[in-house]
């Protein structure tokens, strides 16, 4: 006699069409899809698939911890501006990155860009800068300043009227309160021909252990219309 499948009330029945054109019944496996969160219990399981929800949650957790840059604020200047401010900065990130590109309106070939934390203009900023231009490298340290140097922008008398400067500032552990805050900036500036092209690294220390909630960028005169400044948080 042919085998007759036996089922009970808890079975889910699926049907398969055989090569002879007949229908054959099967009991679908129970718990074939699981919503259990990813973990060691998944190891060795070959007959149960994870749900879309479980897979989605795991992918999201990986992305959230992968050092993704999240844009906090972007300012494209619609007019000449002396100070660019990022305020009410959330403490939910591990590090901050501040990127700037643009020019200054001061009557000079190239000028310094400065930065303050938490609107603090006390003389408690120290730093050093290593900058190269036309094969010449120069370094300058400073202490007890009211702001820190973080970039160089072309000025109004730059021989390249359409060129710009740029910088990228890393501010690690900005929301902690154990150590004094520091930042490192890398810069590039095209102010003219070979003797007016600058590249460098600048370090700034703020003698305060306070969490950073505000950043001010200070132009030498004004940041020129069209300059762009973007603050990112890194999880």
C-alpha atoms as a PDB file:
ATOM      1  CA  UNK A   1       0.000   0.000   0.000  1.00  0.00           C
ATOM      2  CA  UNK A   2       1.234   3.532  -0.676  1.00  0.00           C
ATOM      3  CA  UNK A   3       2.426   5.637   2.267  1.00  0.00           C
ATOM      4  CA  UNK A   4      -0.387   7.810   3.563  1.00  0.00           C
ATOM      5  CA  UNK A   5       0.821  10.959   5.322  1.00  0.00           C
ATOM      6  CA  UNK A   6      -0.615  11.564   8.757  1.00  0.00           C
ATOM      7  CA  UNK A   7      -1.271  15.077  10.082  1.00  0.00           C
ATOM      8  CA  UNK A   8      -2.724  16.535  13.253  1.00  0.00           C
ATOM      9  CA  UNK A   9      -4.659  19.743  13.893  1.00  0.00           C
ATOM     10  CA  UNK A  10      -1.503  21.774  14.589  1.00  0.00           C
ATOM     11  CA  UNK A  11       0.109  21.059  11.207  1.00  0.00           C
ATOM     12  CA  UNK A  12       0.195  23.560   8.349  1.00  0.00           C
ATOM     13  CA  UNK A  13      -0.327  21.696   5.111  1.00  0.00           C
ATOM     14  CA  UNK A  14       1.546  22.570   1.904  1.00  0.00           C
ATOM     15  CA  UNK A  15       1.006  20.909  -1.452  1.00  0.00           C
ATOM     16  CA  UNK A  16       3.556  19.852  -4.040  1.00  0.00           C
ATOM     17  CA  UNK A  17       2.801  18.826  -7.613  1.00  0.00           C
ATOM     18  CA  UNK A  18       4.689  15.653  -8.531  1.00  0.00           C
ATOM     19  CA  UNK A  19       6.192  14.809 -11.925  1.00  0.00           C
ATOM     20  CA  UNK A  20       3.166  12.578 -12.564  1.00  0.00           C
ATOM     21  CA  UNK A  21       0.851  15.553 -12.142  1.00  0.00           C
ATOM     22  CA  UNK A  22      -0.453  14.422  -8.786  1.00  0.00           C
ATOM     23  CA  UNK A  23      -0.645  16.532  -5.623  1.00  0.00           C
ATOM     24  CA  UNK A  24       1.380  15.492  -2.612  1.00  0.00           C
ATOM     25  CA  UNK A  25       0.723  16.867   0.859  1.00  0.00           C
ATOM     26  CA  UNK A  26       3.457  17.929   3.286  1.00  0.00           C
ATOM     27  CA  UNK A  27       3.369  19.222   6.823  1.00  0.00           C
ATOM     28  CA  UNK A  28       5.214  22.566   6.846  1.00  0.00           C
ATOM     29  CA  UNK A  29       7.934  22.711   9.492  1.00  0.00           C
ATOM     30  CA  UNK A  30       6.930  24.550  12.649  1.00  0.00           C
ATOM     31  CA  UNK A  31       8.792  27.737  13.693  1.00  0.00           C
ATOM     32  CA  UNK A  32      10.447  27.991  10.264  1.00  0.00           C
ATOM     33  CA  UNK A  33      10.907  31.752  10.794  1.00  0.00           C
ATOM     34  CA  UNK A  34      12.105  33.205  14.104  1.00  0.00           C
ATOM     35  CA  UNK A  35      12.113  36.799  15.358  1.00  0.00           C
ATOM     36  CA  UNK A  36      14.806  36.037  17.933  1.00  0.00           C
ATOM     37  CA  UNK A  37      17.419  38.792  18.066  1.00  0.00           C
ATOM     38  CA  UNK A  38      20.839  38.003  16.595  1.00  0.00           C
ATOM     39  CA  UNK A  39      23.139  36.273  19.057  1.00  0.00           C
ATOM     40  CA  UNK A  40      25.005  33.107  19.894  1.00  0.00           C
ATOM     41  CA  UNK A  41      21.737  31.116  19.785  1.00  0.00           C
ATOM     42  CA  UNK A  42      21.772  31.502  15.976  1.00  0.00           C
ATOM     43  CA  UNK A  43      24.960  29.461  15.673  1.00  0.00           C
ATOM     44  CA  UNK A  44      24.391  25.965  14.315  1.00  0.00           C
ATOM     45  CA  UNK A  45      20.700  26.463  13.488  1.00  0.00           C
ATOM     46  CA  UNK A  46      20.114  25.362   9.888  1.00  0.00           C
ATOM     47  CA  UNK A  47      16.347  24.788   9.704  1.00  0.00           C
ATOM     48  CA  UNK A  48      14.966  28.119  11.009  1.00  0.00           C
ATOM     49  CA  UNK A  49      15.269  31.421   9.125  1.00  0.00           C
ATOM     50  CA  UNK A  50      15.540  34.829  10.849  1.00  0.00           C
ATOM     51  CA  UNK A  51      12.669  37.250  10.347  1.00  0.00           C
ATOM     52  CA  UNK A  52      13.106  40.448   8.345  1.00  0.00           C
ATOM     53  CA  UNK A  53      12.660  42.363  11.597  1.00  0.00           C
ATOM     54  CA  UNK A  54      15.527  40.510  13.317  1.00  0.00           C
ATOM     55  CA  UNK A  55      17.828  41.056  10.329  1.00  0.00           C
ATOM     56  CA  UNK A  56      16.840  44.749  10.069  1.00  0.00           C
ATOM     57  CA  UNK A  57      17.553  45.354  13.771  1.00  0.00           C
ATOM     58  CA  UNK A  58      21.003  43.787  13.462  1.00  0.00           C
ATOM     59  CA  UNK A  59      21.920  45.805  10.359  1.00  0.00           C
ATOM     60  CA  UNK A  60      20.784  49.033  12.043  1.00  0.00           C
ATOM     61  CA  UNK A  61      22.901  48.302  15.126  1.00  0.00           C
ATOM     62  CA  UNK A  62      25.976  47.726  12.945  1.00  0.00           C
ATOM     63  CA  UNK A  63      25.420  50.928  10.944  1.00  0.00           C
ATOM     64  CA  UNK A  64      24.854  52.997  14.093  1.00  0.00           C
ATOM     65  CA  UNK A  65      28.220  51.948  15.501  1.00  0.00           C
ATOM     66  CA  UNK A  66      30.217  52.165  12.284  1.00  0.00           C
ATOM     67  CA  UNK A  67      31.546  55.711  12.706  1.00  0.00           C
ATOM     68  CA  UNK A  68      29.021  57.211  10.282  1.00  0.00           C
ATOM     69  CA  UNK A  69      29.149  60.992   9.894  1.00  0.00           C
ATOM     70  CA  UNK A  70      25.790  62.573  10.751  1.00  0.00           C
ATOM     71  CA  UNK A  71      25.224  66.128   9.577  1.00  0.00           C
ATOM     72  CA  UNK A  72      24.227  68.271  12.554  1.00  0.00           C
ATOM     73  CA  UNK A  73      24.138  71.674  10.864  1.00  0.00           C
ATOM     74  CA  UNK A  74      25.211  73.216   7.543  1.00  0.00           C
ATOM     75  CA  UNK A  75      25.556  76.947   6.967  1.00  0.00           C
ATOM     76  CA  UNK A  76      25.914  78.434   3.491  1.00  0.00           C
ATOM     77  CA  UNK A  77      26.509  82.152   3.964  1.00  0.00           C
ATOM     78  CA  UNK A  78      24.114  84.427   2.141  1.00  0.00           C
ATOM     79  CA  UNK A  79      26.064  87.531   3.126  1.00  0.00           C
ATOM     80  CA  UNK A  80      29.512  88.472   4.461  1.00  0.00           C
ATOM     81  CA  UNK A  81      29.624  87.255   8.080  1.00  0.00           C
ATOM     82  CA  UNK A  82      32.132  87.904  10.885  1.00  0.00           C
ATOM     83  CA  UNK A  83      31.259  84.916  13.087  1.00  0.00           C
ATOM     84  CA  UNK A  84      29.722  81.534  12.308  1.00  0.00           C
ATOM     85  CA  UNK A  85      28.119  79.888  15.328  1.00  0.00           C
ATOM     86  CA  UNK A  86      27.002  76.316  16.001  1.00  0.00           C
ATOM     87  CA  UNK A  87      25.038  76.312  19.261  1.00  0.00           C
ATOM     88  CA  UNK A  88      23.022  73.856  21.386  1.00  0.00           C
ATOM     89  CA  UNK A  89      25.234  71.000  20.181  1.00  0.00           C
ATOM     90  CA  UNK A  90      23.887  67.655  21.347  1.00  0.00           C
ATOM     91  CA  UNK A  91      26.148  65.547  23.538  1.00  0.00           C
ATOM     92  CA  UNK A  92      24.934  62.298  21.976  1.00  0.00           C
ATOM     93  CA  UNK A  93      27.948  61.823  19.681  1.00  0.00           C
ATOM     94  CA  UNK A  94      31.468  60.641  20.464  1.00  0.00           C
ATOM     95  CA  UNK A  95      33.333  63.100  18.252  1.00  0.00           C
ATOM     96  CA  UNK A  96      32.699  66.208  16.165  1.00  0.00           C
ATOM     97  CA  UNK A  97      34.026  67.075  12.722  1.00  0.00           C
ATOM     98  CA  UNK A  98      33.791  70.658  11.483  1.00  0.00           C
ATOM     99  CA  UNK A  99      34.446  71.310   7.778  1.00  0.00           C
ATOM    100  CA  UNK A 100      34.797  74.779   6.299  1.00  0.00           C
ATOM    101  CA  UNK A 101      35.453  76.185   2.821  1.00  0.00           C
ATOM    102  CA  UNK A 102      35.537  79.786   1.678  1.00  0.00           C
ATOM    103  CA  UNK A 103      37.277  83.149   1.671  1.00  0.00           C
ATOM    104  CA  UNK A 104      37.756  86.198   3.923  1.00  0.00           C
ATOM    105  CA  UNK A 105      37.058  89.810   2.946  1.00  0.00           C
ATOM    106  CA  UNK A 106      40.124  91.249   4.714  1.00  0.00           C
ATOM    107  CA  UNK A 107      42.572  93.156   2.509  1.00  0.00           C
ATOM    108  CA  UNK A 108      45.309  90.518   2.582  1.00  0.00           C
ATOM    109  CA  UNK A 109      46.579  87.606   0.500  1.00  0.00           C
ATOM    110  CA  UNK A 110      45.740  85.004   3.171  1.00  0.00           C
ATOM    111  CA  UNK A 111      44.395  85.257   6.717  1.00  0.00           C
ATOM    112  CA  UNK A 112      43.935  83.080   9.810  1.00  0.00           C
ATOM    113  CA  UNK A 113      40.617  81.542  10.855  1.00  0.00           C
ATOM    114  CA  UNK A 114      40.089  81.201  14.610  1.00  0.00           C
ATOM    115  CA  UNK A 115      37.792  79.159  16.853  1.00  0.00           C
ATOM    116  CA  UNK A 116      36.269  79.409  20.334  1.00  0.00           C
ATOM    117  CA  UNK A 117      34.369  76.924  22.468  1.00  0.00           C
ATOM    118  CA  UNK A 118      31.259  77.739  24.525  1.00  0.00           C
ATOM    119  CA  UNK A 119      31.573  81.456  23.722  1.00  0.00           C
ATOM    120  CA  UNK A 120      34.637  81.591  25.986  1.00  0.00           C
ATOM    121  CA  UNK A 121      36.953  84.498  25.116  1.00  0.00           C
ATOM    122  CA  UNK A 122      39.213  84.005  28.141  1.00  0.00           C
ATOM    123  CA  UNK A 123      42.955  83.773  27.501  1.00  0.00           C
ATOM    124  CA  UNK A 124      43.027  79.984  27.961  1.00  0.00           C
ATOM    125  CA  UNK A 125      43.706  78.733  24.421  1.00  0.00           C
ATOM    126  CA  UNK A 126      47.104  77.230  23.547  1.00  0.00           C
ATOM    127  CA  UNK A 127      48.260  75.794  20.268  1.00  0.00           C
ATOM    128  CA  UNK A 128      50.843  75.060  17.645  1.00  0.00           C
ATOM    129  CA  UNK A 129      50.777  75.093  13.864  1.00  0.00           C
ATOM    130  CA  UNK A 130      52.900  73.468  11.197  1.00  0.00           C
ATOM    131  CA  UNK A 131      52.341  75.018   7.767  1.00  0.00           C
ATOM    132  CA  UNK A 132      54.154  74.637   4.443  1.00  0.00           C
ATOM    133  CA  UNK A 133      54.160  76.980   1.450  1.00  0.00           C
ATOM    134  CA  UNK A 134      56.366  76.941  -1.668  1.00  0.00           C
ATOM    135  CA  UNK A 135      58.749  74.402  -0.138  1.00  0.00           C
ATOM    136  CA  UNK A 136      59.165  76.344   3.096  1.00  0.00           C
ATOM    137  CA  UNK A 137      57.880  74.846   6.364  1.00  0.00           C
ATOM    138  CA  UNK A 138      57.275  77.010   9.375  1.00  0.00           C
ATOM    139  CA  UNK A 139      55.984  76.319  12.866  1.00  0.00           C
ATOM    140  CA  UNK A 140      54.625  78.682  15.495  1.00  0.00           C
ATOM    141  CA  UNK A 141      53.375  77.970  18.994  1.00  0.00           C
ATOM    142  CA  UNK A 142      51.227  80.283  21.112  1.00  0.00           C
ATOM    143  CA  UNK A 143      49.736  80.289  24.605  1.00  0.00           C
ATOM    144  CA  UNK A 144      47.179  82.139  26.706  1.00  0.00           C
ATOM    145  CA  UNK A 145      45.313  83.316  23.611  1.00  0.00           C
ATOM    146  CA  UNK A 146      41.624  84.250  23.464  1.00  0.00           C
ATOM    147  CA  UNK A 147      40.960  81.848  20.547  1.00  0.00           C
ATOM    148  CA  UNK A 148      42.689  79.046  18.653  1.00  0.00           C
ATOM    149  CA  UNK A 149      43.967  79.032  15.058  1.00  0.00           C
ATOM    150  CA  UNK A 150      42.210  76.425  12.888  1.00  0.00           C
ATOM    151  CA  UNK A 151      42.552  77.483   9.246  1.00  0.00           C
ATOM    152  CA  UNK A 152      43.766  79.808   6.497  1.00  0.00           C
ATOM    153  CA  UNK A 153      41.491  81.447   3.921  1.00  0.00           C
ATOM    154  CA  UNK A 154      42.399  83.630   0.922  1.00  0.00           C
ATOM    155  CA  UNK A 155      41.866  87.342   1.512  1.00  0.00           C
ATOM    156  CA  UNK A 156      40.627  90.135  -0.731  1.00  0.00           C
ATOM    157  CA  UNK A 157      44.052  90.784  -2.340  1.00  0.00           C
ATOM    158  CA  UNK A 158      44.641  87.132  -3.232  1.00  0.00           C
ATOM    159  CA  UNK A 159      45.751  86.889  -6.876  1.00  0.00           C
ATOM    160  CA  UNK A 160      43.200  84.087  -7.399  1.00  0.00           C
ATOM    161  CA  UNK A 161      39.814  85.730  -6.849  1.00  0.00           C
ATOM    162  CA  UNK A 162      37.903  82.488  -7.308  1.00  0.00           C
ATOM    163  CA  UNK A 163      40.072  80.256  -5.119  1.00  0.00           C
ATOM    164  CA  UNK A 164      39.210  79.175  -1.601  1.00  0.00           C
ATOM    165  CA  UNK A 165      40.641  77.724   1.574  1.00  0.00           C
ATOM    166  CA  UNK A 166      39.411  74.665   3.390  1.00  0.00           C
ATOM    167  CA  UNK A 167      39.848  72.980   6.753  1.00  0.00           C
ATOM    168  CA  UNK A 168      38.647  69.918   8.619  1.00  0.00           C
ATOM    169  CA  UNK A 169      38.659  70.024  12.433  1.00  0.00           C
ATOM    170  CA  UNK A 170      38.464  66.906  14.603  1.00  0.00           C
ATOM    171  CA  UNK A 171      37.161  67.464  18.145  1.00  0.00           C
ATOM    172  CA  UNK A 172      37.268  64.156  20.064  1.00  0.00           C
ATOM    173  CA  UNK A 173      35.315  63.335  23.235  1.00  0.00           C
ATOM    174  CA  UNK A 174      33.764  66.789  23.197  1.00  0.00           C
ATOM    175  CA  UNK A 175      30.901  65.878  25.545  1.00  0.00           C
ATOM    176  CA  UNK A 176      33.014  64.375  28.343  1.00  0.00           C
ATOM    177  CA  UNK A 177      34.114  66.330  31.416  1.00  0.00           C
ATOM    178  CA  UNK A 178      37.320  64.551  32.508  1.00  0.00           C
ATOM    179  CA  UNK A 179      40.025  66.301  30.474  1.00  0.00           C
ATOM    180  CA  UNK A 180      40.652  69.681  28.865  1.00  0.00           C
ATOM    181  CA  UNK A 181      39.318  69.877  25.320  1.00  0.00           C
ATOM    182  CA  UNK A 182      41.535  69.768  22.243  1.00  0.00           C
ATOM    183  CA  UNK A 183      41.167  69.839  18.487  1.00  0.00           C
ATOM    184  CA  UNK A 184      43.320  69.154  15.437  1.00  0.00           C
ATOM    185  CA  UNK A 185      42.723  70.850  12.093  1.00  0.00           C
ATOM    186  CA  UNK A 186      44.107  69.984   8.664  1.00  0.00           C
ATOM    187  CA  UNK A 187      44.030  72.774   6.104  1.00  0.00           C
ATOM    188  CA  UNK A 188      44.650  73.688   2.513  1.00  0.00           C
ATOM    189  CA  UNK A 189      44.495  77.158   0.982  1.00  0.00           C
ATOM    190  CA  UNK A 190      44.970  78.328  -2.607  1.00  0.00           C
ATOM    191  CA  UNK A 191      45.581  82.064  -2.353  1.00  0.00           C
ATOM    192  CA  UNK A 192      47.536  82.511  -5.568  1.00  0.00           C
ATOM    193  CA  UNK A 193      50.484  80.949  -7.376  1.00  0.00           C
ATOM    194  CA  UNK A 194      53.047  78.550  -5.856  1.00  0.00           C
ATOM    195  CA  UNK A 195      54.233  80.898  -3.095  1.00  0.00           C
ATOM    196  CA  UNK A 196      50.627  81.461  -1.975  1.00  0.00           C
ATOM    197  CA  UNK A 197      49.517  77.844  -1.585  1.00  0.00           C
ATOM    198  CA  UNK A 198      49.357  76.598   1.984  1.00  0.00           C
ATOM    199  CA  UNK A 199      48.942  73.172   3.581  1.00  0.00           C
ATOM    200  CA  UNK A 200      49.243  72.381   7.255  1.00  0.00           C
ATOM    201  CA  UNK A 201      48.159  70.891  10.552  1.00  0.00           C
ATOM    202  CA  UNK A 202      47.105  72.953  13.555  1.00  0.00           C
ATOM    203  CA  UNK A 203      46.511  71.843  17.155  1.00  0.00           C
ATOM    204  CA  UNK A 204      44.415  73.744  19.698  1.00  0.00           C
ATOM    205  CA  UNK A 205      43.905  73.174  23.417  1.00  0.00           C
ATOM    206  CA  UNK A 206      41.195  74.822  25.521  1.00  0.00           C
ATOM    207  CA  UNK A 207      42.016  74.811  29.233  1.00  0.00           C
ATOM    208  CA  UNK A 208      38.558  73.671  30.251  1.00  0.00           C
ATOM    209  CA  UNK A 209      37.089  70.242  30.940  1.00  0.00           C
ATOM    210  CA  UNK A 210      33.551  71.460  30.237  1.00  0.00           C
ATOM    211  CA  UNK A 211      31.469  69.648  27.654  1.00  0.00           C
ATOM    212  CA  UNK A 212      31.400  71.570  24.371  1.00  0.00           C
ATOM    213  CA  UNK A 213      27.927  72.807  23.450  1.00  0.00           C
ATOM    214  CA  UNK A 214      28.848  75.739  21.201  1.00  0.00           C
ATOM    215  CA  UNK A 215      31.514  76.443  18.577  1.00  0.00           C
ATOM    216  CA  UNK A 216      32.291  79.868  17.080  1.00  0.00           C
ATOM    217  CA  UNK A 217      34.418  80.370  13.968  1.00  0.00           C
ATOM    218  CA  UNK A 218      35.923  83.848  13.754  1.00  0.00           C
ATOM    219  CA  UNK A 219      36.872  85.517  10.482  1.00  0.00           C
ATOM    220  CA  UNK A 220      39.734  88.013  10.286  1.00  0.00           C
ATOM    221  CA  UNK A 221      37.200  90.515   8.913  1.00  0.00           C
ATOM    222  CA  UNK A 222      34.224  88.673   7.402  1.00  0.00           C
ATOM    223  CA  UNK A 223      33.706  85.290   5.827  1.00  0.00           C
ATOM    224  CA  UNK A 224      32.793  85.989   2.218  1.00  0.00           C
ATOM    225  CA  UNK A 225      29.314  85.269   0.879  1.00  0.00           C
ATOM    226  CA  UNK A 226      29.108  81.680  -0.362  1.00  0.00           C
ATOM    227  CA  UNK A 227      31.485  80.261   2.254  1.00  0.00           C
ATOM    228  CA  UNK A 228      30.187  76.952   3.668  1.00  0.00           C
ATOM    229  CA  UNK A 229      30.563  75.447   7.141  1.00  0.00           C
ATOM    230  CA  UNK A 230      29.235  72.024   8.142  1.00  0.00           C
ATOM    231  CA  UNK A 231      29.246  70.347  11.563  1.00  0.00           C
ATOM    232  CA  UNK A 232      29.086  66.536  11.756  1.00  0.00           C
ATOM    233  CA  UNK A 233      28.700  64.147  14.669  1.00  0.00           C
ATOM    234  CA  UNK A 234      30.317  60.710  14.766  1.00  0.00           C
ATOM    235  CA  UNK A 235      28.530  58.023  16.804  1.00  0.00           C
END
